Amino acid sequence: PDPELIIRPSGEMRLSNFLLWESAYSEFWVSETLWPDFGYEELTRAFADYAKRDRRFGGLSKEEKK
């Protein structure tokens, strides 16, 4: 299955062609923390941020449909 969330450490705002086609509808979360220092706290922060997002898959939000 395609990933729902892609976490990018080290503050880089690019995919580097990683899962290019599979990530078309993925959510991205960028962390300034370098990979060796990335731990449980950063991971839970990424999951918490992801849980707040309104995933529309290219469509309108519920508010915009009204």
PDB file of N, CA and C in Angstrom:
ATOM      1  N   PRO A   1       0.828  -1.204   0.000  1.00  0.00           N
ATOM      2  CA  PRO A   1       0.000   0.000   0.000  1.00  0.00           C
ATOM      3  C   PRO A   1       0.870   1.265   0.000  1.00  0.00           C
ATOM      4  N   ASP A   2       0.302   2.326  -0.493  1.00  0.00           N
ATOM      5  CA  ASP A   2       1.007   3.604  -0.529  1.00  0.00           C
ATOM      6  C   ASP A   2       1.108   4.190   0.878  1.00  0.00           C
ATOM      7  N   PRO A   3       2.196   4.899   1.162  1.00  0.00           N
ATOM      8  CA  PRO A   3       2.349   5.480   2.505  1.00  0.00           C
ATOM      9  C   PRO A   3       1.385   6.643   2.725  1.00  0.00           C
ATOM     10  N   GLU A   4       0.854   6.742   3.922  1.00  0.00           N
ATOM     11  CA  GLU A   4      -0.018   7.861   4.259  1.00  0.00           C
ATOM     12  C   GLU A   4       0.792   9.028   4.797  1.00  0.00           C
ATOM     13  N   LEU A   5       1.910   8.750   5.438  1.00  0.00           N
ATOM     14  CA  LEU A   5       2.755   9.781   6.032  1.00  0.00           C
ATOM     15  C   LEU A   5       4.208   9.486   5.702  1.00  0.00           C
ATOM     16  N   ILE A   6       4.906  10.497   5.214  1.00  0.00           N
ATOM     17  CA  ILE A   6       6.344  10.389   4.973  1.00  0.00           C
ATOM     18  C   ILE A   6       7.027  11.387   5.888  1.00  0.00           C
ATOM     19  N   ILE A   7       7.927  10.896   6.721  1.00  0.00           N
ATOM     20  CA  ILE A   7       8.663  11.738   7.658  1.00  0.00           C
ATOM     21  C   ILE A   7      10.055  11.958   7.091  1.00  0.00           C
ATOM     22  N   ARG A   8      10.420  13.222   6.964  1.00  0.00           N
ATOM     23  CA  ARG A   8      11.728  13.569   6.404  1.00  0.00           C
ATOM     24  C   ARG A   8      12.566  14.240   7.490  1.00  0.00           C
ATOM     25  N   PRO A   9      13.603  13.566   8.001  1.00  0.00           N
ATOM     26  CA  PRO A   9      14.471  14.196   8.996  1.00  0.00           C
ATOM     27  C   PRO A   9      15.479  15.135   8.343  1.00  0.00           C
ATOM     28  N   SER A  10      16.172  15.885   9.154  1.00  0.00           N
ATOM     29  CA  SER A  10      17.275  16.785   8.781  1.00  0.00           C
ATOM     30  C   SER A  10      16.823  18.066   8.097  1.00  0.00           C
ATOM     31  N   GLY A  11      15.536  18.367   8.086  1.00  0.00           N
ATOM     32  CA  GLY A  11      15.063  19.640   7.558  1.00  0.00           C
ATOM     33  C   GLY A  11      15.044  19.759   6.048  1.00  0.00           C
ATOM     34  N   GLU A  12      15.352  18.699   5.343  1.00  0.00           N
ATOM     35  CA  GLU A  12      15.352  18.739   3.878  1.00  0.00           C
ATOM     36  C   GLU A  12      13.921  18.721   3.360  1.00  0.00           C
ATOM     37  N   MET A  13      13.585  19.671   2.492  1.00  0.00           N
ATOM     38  CA  MET A  13      12.230  19.781   1.947  1.00  0.00           C
ATOM     39  C   MET A  13      12.174  19.168   0.549  1.00  0.00           C
ATOM     40  N   ARG A  14      12.637  17.932   0.430  1.00  0.00           N
ATOM     41  CA  ARG A  14      12.623  17.254  -0.871  1.00  0.00           C
ATOM     42  C   ARG A  14      12.481  15.748  -0.653  1.00  0.00           C
ATOM     43  N   LEU A  15      12.049  15.070  -1.703  1.00  0.00           N
ATOM     44  CA  LEU A  15      11.875  13.619  -1.633  1.00  0.00           C
ATOM     45  C   LEU A  15      13.103  12.840  -2.081  1.00  0.00           C
ATOM     46  N   SER A  16      13.953  13.454  -2.886  1.00  0.00           N
ATOM     47  CA  SER A  16      15.115  12.764  -3.453  1.00  0.00           C
ATOM     48  C   SER A  16      14.681  11.539  -4.253  1.00  0.00           C
ATOM     49  N   ASN A  17      13.537  11.634  -4.933  1.00  0.00           N
ATOM     50  CA  ASN A  17      12.962  10.565  -5.757  1.00  0.00           C
ATOM     51  C   ASN A  17      12.612   9.307  -4.968  1.00  0.00           C
ATOM     52  N   PHE A  18      12.447   9.432  -3.661  1.00  0.00           N
ATOM     53  CA  PHE A  18      12.072   8.303  -2.810  1.00  0.00           C
ATOM     54  C   PHE A  18      10.567   8.082  -2.906  1.00  0.00           C
ATOM     55  N   LEU A  19      10.149   6.913  -3.344  1.00  0.00           N
ATOM     56  CA  LEU A  19       8.730   6.569  -3.499  1.00  0.00           C
ATOM     57  C   LEU A  19       7.972   7.664  -4.242  1.00  0.00           C
ATOM     58  N   LEU A  20       8.540   8.100  -5.331  1.00  0.00           N
ATOM     59  CA  LEU A  20       8.005   9.248  -6.066  1.00  0.00           C
ATOM     60  C   LEU A  20       6.548   9.059  -6.473  1.00  0.00           C
ATOM     61  N   TRP A  21       6.213   7.952  -7.095  1.00  0.00           N
ATOM     62  CA  TRP A  21       4.842   7.723  -7.558  1.00  0.00           C
ATOM     63  C   TRP A  21       3.919   7.318  -6.412  1.00  0.00           C
ATOM     64  N   GLU A  22       4.445   6.548  -5.488  1.00  0.00           N
ATOM     65  CA  GLU A  22       3.632   6.054  -4.382  1.00  0.00           C
ATOM     66  C   GLU A  22       3.232   7.150  -3.403  1.00  0.00           C
ATOM     67  N   SER A  23       3.963   8.259  -3.390  1.00  0.00           N
ATOM     68  CA  SER A  23       3.702   9.318  -2.416  1.00  0.00           C
ATOM     69  C   SER A  23       2.800  10.427  -2.950  1.00  0.00           C
ATOM     70  N   ALA A  24       2.106  10.187  -4.046  1.00  0.00           N
ATOM     71  CA  ALA A  24       1.268  11.224  -4.661  1.00  0.00           C
ATOM     72  C   ALA A  24       0.240  11.791  -3.690  1.00  0.00           C
ATOM     73  N   TYR A  25      -0.361  10.965  -2.855  1.00  0.00           N
ATOM     74  CA  TYR A  25      -1.368  11.431  -1.903  1.00  0.00           C
ATOM     75  C   TYR A  25      -0.884  11.337  -0.459  1.00  0.00           C
ATOM     76  N   SER A  26       0.413  11.206  -0.272  1.00  0.00           N
ATOM     77  CA  SER A  26       0.966  11.115   1.075  1.00  0.00           C
ATOM     78  C   SER A  26       1.047  12.493   1.721  1.00  0.00           C
ATOM     79  N   GLU A  27       0.997  12.497   3.029  1.00  0.00           N
ATOM     80  CA  GLU A  27       1.240  13.710   3.803  1.00  0.00           C
ATOM     81  C   GLU A  27       2.724  13.713   4.160  1.00  0.00           C
ATOM     82  N   PHE A  28       3.310  14.899   4.191  1.00  0.00           N
ATOM     83  CA  PHE A  28       4.733  15.025   4.504  1.00  0.00           C
ATOM     84  C   PHE A  28       4.911  15.756   5.822  1.00  0.00           C
ATOM     85  N   TRP A  29       5.880  15.312   6.587  1.00  0.00           N
ATOM     86  CA  TRP A  29       6.226  15.967   7.845  1.00  0.00           C
ATOM     87  C   TRP A  29       7.743  16.062   7.881  1.00  0.00           C
ATOM     88  N   VAL A  30       8.251  17.285   7.998  1.00  0.00           N
ATOM     89  CA  VAL A  30       9.694  17.529   7.973  1.00  0.00           C
ATOM     90  C   VAL A  30      10.156  17.890   9.371  1.00  0.00           C
ATOM     91  N   SER A  31      11.213  17.241   9.815  1.00  0.00           N
ATOM     92  CA  SER A  31      11.787  17.492  11.131  1.00  0.00           C
ATOM     93  C   SER A  31      13.195  18.047  10.963  1.00  0.00           C
ATOM     94  N   GLU A  32      13.549  19.012  11.779  1.00  0.00           N
ATOM     95  CA  GLU A  32      14.905  19.566  11.763  1.00  0.00           C
ATOM     96  C   GLU A  32      15.902  18.624  12.438  1.00  0.00           C
ATOM     97  N   THR A  33      15.408  17.645  13.163  1.00  0.00           N
ATOM     98  CA  THR A  33      16.257  16.698  13.878  1.00  0.00           C
ATOM     99  C   THR A  33      16.964  15.777  12.895  1.00  0.00           C
ATOM    100  N   LEU A  34      18.249  15.569  13.102  1.00  0.00           N
ATOM    101  CA  LEU A  34      19.009  14.650  12.251  1.00  0.00           C
ATOM    102  C   LEU A  34      18.619  13.205  12.563  1.00  0.00           C
ATOM    103  N   TRP A  35      18.768  12.325  11.585  1.00  0.00           N
ATOM    104  CA  TRP A  35      18.318  10.944  11.725  1.00  0.00           C
ATOM    105  C   TRP A  35      18.892  10.223  12.947  1.00  0.00           C
ATOM    106  N   PRO A  36      20.189  10.339  13.256  1.00  0.00           N
ATOM    107  CA  PRO A  36      20.700   9.610  14.431  1.00  0.00           C
ATOM    108  C   PRO A  36      20.048  10.053  15.746  1.00  0.00           C
ATOM    109  N   ASP A  37      19.541  11.285  15.796  1.00  0.00           N
ATOM    110  CA  ASP A  37      18.920  11.809  17.016  1.00  0.00           C
ATOM    111  C   ASP A  37      17.404  11.679  17.010  1.00  0.00           C
ATOM    112  N   PHE A  38      16.839  11.205  15.917  1.00  0.00           N
ATOM    113  CA  PHE A  38      15.387  11.082  15.782  1.00  0.00           C
ATOM    114  C   PHE A  38      14.906   9.947  16.670  1.00  0.00           C
ATOM    115  N   GLY A  39      13.974  10.253  17.561  1.00  0.00           N
ATOM    116  CA  GLY A  39      13.521   9.234  18.502  1.00  0.00           C
ATOM    117  C   GLY A  39      12.017   9.223  18.695  1.00  0.00           C
ATOM    118  N   TYR A  40      11.623   8.625  19.798  1.00  0.00           N
ATOM    119  CA  TYR A  40      10.208   8.420  20.104  1.00  0.00           C
ATOM    120  C   TYR A  40       9.436   9.740  20.173  1.00  0.00           C
ATOM    121  N   GLU A  41      10.018  10.758  20.805  1.00  0.00           N
ATOM    122  CA  GLU A  41       9.329  12.044  20.944  1.00  0.00           C
ATOM    123  C   GLU A  41       9.045  12.679  19.590  1.00  0.00           C
ATOM    124  N   GLU A  42      10.019  12.646  18.692  1.00  0.00           N
ATOM    125  CA  GLU A  42       9.812  13.207  17.351  1.00  0.00           C
ATOM    126  C   GLU A  42       8.758  12.409  16.594  1.00  0.00           C
ATOM    127  N   LEU A  43       8.799  11.109  16.733  1.00  0.00           N
ATOM    128  CA  LEU A  43       7.835  10.256  16.041  1.00  0.00           C
ATOM    129  C   LEU A  43       6.409  10.525  16.528  1.00  0.00           C
ATOM    130  N   THR A  44       6.230  10.629  17.835  1.00  0.00           N
ATOM    131  CA  THR A  44       4.891  10.916  18.357  1.00  0.00           C
ATOM    132  C   THR A  44       4.445  12.322  17.975  1.00  0.00           C
ATOM    133  N   ARG A  45       5.369  13.269  17.869  1.00  0.00           N
ATOM    134  CA  ARG A  45       5.027  14.616  17.407  1.00  0.00           C
ATOM    135  C   ARG A  45       4.533  14.574  15.958  1.00  0.00           C
ATOM    136  N   ALA A  46       5.185  13.778  15.129  1.00  0.00           N
ATOM    137  CA  ALA A  46       4.768  13.639  13.728  1.00  0.00           C
ATOM    138  C   ALA A  46       3.391  12.997  13.638  1.00  0.00           C
ATOM    139  N   PHE A  47       3.150  11.953  14.424  1.00  0.00           N
ATOM    140  CA  PHE A  47       1.842  11.292  14.418  1.00  0.00           C
ATOM    141  C   PHE A  47       0.740  12.226  14.917  1.00  0.00           C
ATOM    142  N   ALA A  48       1.026  13.011  15.947  1.00  0.00           N
ATOM    143  CA  ALA A  48       0.027  13.946  16.483  1.00  0.00           C
ATOM    144  C   ALA A  48      -0.329  15.006  15.447  1.00  0.00           C
ATOM    145  N   ASP A  49       0.669  15.514  14.740  1.00  0.00           N
ATOM    146  CA  ASP A  49       0.414  16.510  13.701  1.00  0.00           C
ATOM    147  C   ASP A  49      -0.394  15.894  12.558  1.00  0.00           C
ATOM    148  N   TYR A  50      -0.055  14.686  12.192  1.00  0.00           N
ATOM    149  CA  TYR A  50      -0.770  13.987  11.119  1.00  0.00           C
ATOM    150  C   TYR A  50      -2.240  13.758  11.490  1.00  0.00           C
ATOM    151  N   ALA A  51      -2.494  13.430  12.742  1.00  0.00           N
ATOM    152  CA  ALA A  51      -3.860  13.157  13.193  1.00  0.00           C
ATOM    153  C   ALA A  51      -4.754  14.393  13.103  1.00  0.00           C
ATOM    154  N   LYS A  52      -4.169  15.585  13.140  1.00  0.00           N
ATOM    155  CA  LYS A  52      -4.940  16.835  13.078  1.00  0.00           C
ATOM    156  C   LYS A  52      -5.270  17.260  11.648  1.00  0.00           C
ATOM    157  N   ARG A  53      -4.652  16.653  10.678  1.00  0.00           N
ATOM    158  CA  ARG A  53      -4.808  17.094   9.289  1.00  0.00           C
ATOM    159  C   ARG A  53      -6.127  16.644   8.678  1.00  0.00           C
ATOM    160  N   ASP A  54      -6.633  17.479   7.775  1.00  0.00           N
ATOM    161  CA  ASP A  54      -7.851  17.175   7.025  1.00  0.00           C
ATOM    162  C   ASP A  54      -7.421  16.636   5.666  1.00  0.00           C
ATOM    163  N   ARG A  55      -7.409  15.322   5.533  1.00  0.00           N
ATOM    164  CA  ARG A  55      -6.952  14.708   4.286  1.00  0.00           C
ATOM    165  C   ARG A  55      -8.052  14.773   3.256  1.00  0.00           C
ATOM    166  N   ARG A  56      -7.758  15.407   2.099  1.00  0.00           N
ATOM    167  CA  ARG A  56      -8.770  15.614   1.068  1.00  0.00           C
ATOM    168  C   ARG A  56      -8.439  14.904  -0.236  1.00  0.00           C
ATOM    169  N   PHE A  57      -7.237  14.391  -0.373  1.00  0.00           N
ATOM    170  CA  PHE A  57      -6.816  13.672  -1.575  1.00  0.00           C
ATOM    171  C   PHE A  57      -7.092  14.479  -2.839  1.00  0.00           C
ATOM    172  N   GLY A  58      -6.819  15.773  -2.786  1.00  0.00           N
ATOM    173  CA  GLY A  58      -6.995  16.638  -3.948  1.00  0.00           C
ATOM    174  C   GLY A  58      -8.368  17.263  -4.057  1.00  0.00           C
ATOM    175  N   GLY A  59      -9.295  16.890  -3.194  1.00  0.00           N
ATOM    176  CA  GLY A  59     -10.656  17.427  -3.245  1.00  0.00           C
ATOM    177  C   GLY A  59     -10.832  18.625  -2.328  1.00  0.00           C
ATOM    178  N   LEU A  60     -12.055  19.077  -2.197  1.00  0.00           N
ATOM    179  CA  LEU A  60     -12.386  20.203  -1.336  1.00  0.00           C
ATOM    180  C   LEU A  60     -12.600  19.738   0.097  1.00  0.00           C
ATOM    181  N   SER A  61     -12.378  20.650   1.033  1.00  0.00           N
ATOM    182  CA  SER A  61     -12.654  20.323   2.427  1.00  0.00           C
ATOM    183  C   SER A  61     -14.161  20.344   2.653  1.00  0.00           C
ATOM    184  N   LYS A  62     -14.585  19.832   3.780  1.00  0.00           N
ATOM    185  CA  LYS A  62     -16.013  19.793   4.098  1.00  0.00           C
ATOM    186  C   LYS A  62     -16.595  21.202   4.149  1.00  0.00           C
ATOM    187  N   GLU A  63     -15.822  22.162   4.630  1.00  0.00           N
ATOM    188  CA  GLU A  63     -16.285  23.550   4.714  1.00  0.00           C
ATOM    189  C   GLU A  63     -16.423  24.180   3.333  1.00  0.00           C
ATOM    190  N   GLU A  64     -15.526  23.846   2.420  1.00  0.00           N
ATOM    191  CA  GLU A  64     -15.552  24.433   1.079  1.00  0.00           C
ATOM    192  C   GLU A  64     -16.687  23.866   0.221  1.00  0.00           C
ATOM    193  N   LYS A  65     -17.184  22.689   0.554  1.00  0.00           N
ATOM    194  CA  LYS A  65     -18.261  22.065  -0.220  1.00  0.00           C
ATOM    195  C   LYS A  65     -19.609  22.732   0.028  1.00  0.00           C
ATOM    196  N   LYS A  66     -19.735  23.420   1.150  1.00  0.00           N
ATOM    197  CA  LYS A  66     -21.019  24.043   1.508  1.00  0.00           C
ATOM    198  C   LYS A  66     -21.343  25.217   0.632  1.00  0.00           C
TER     199      LYS A  66
END
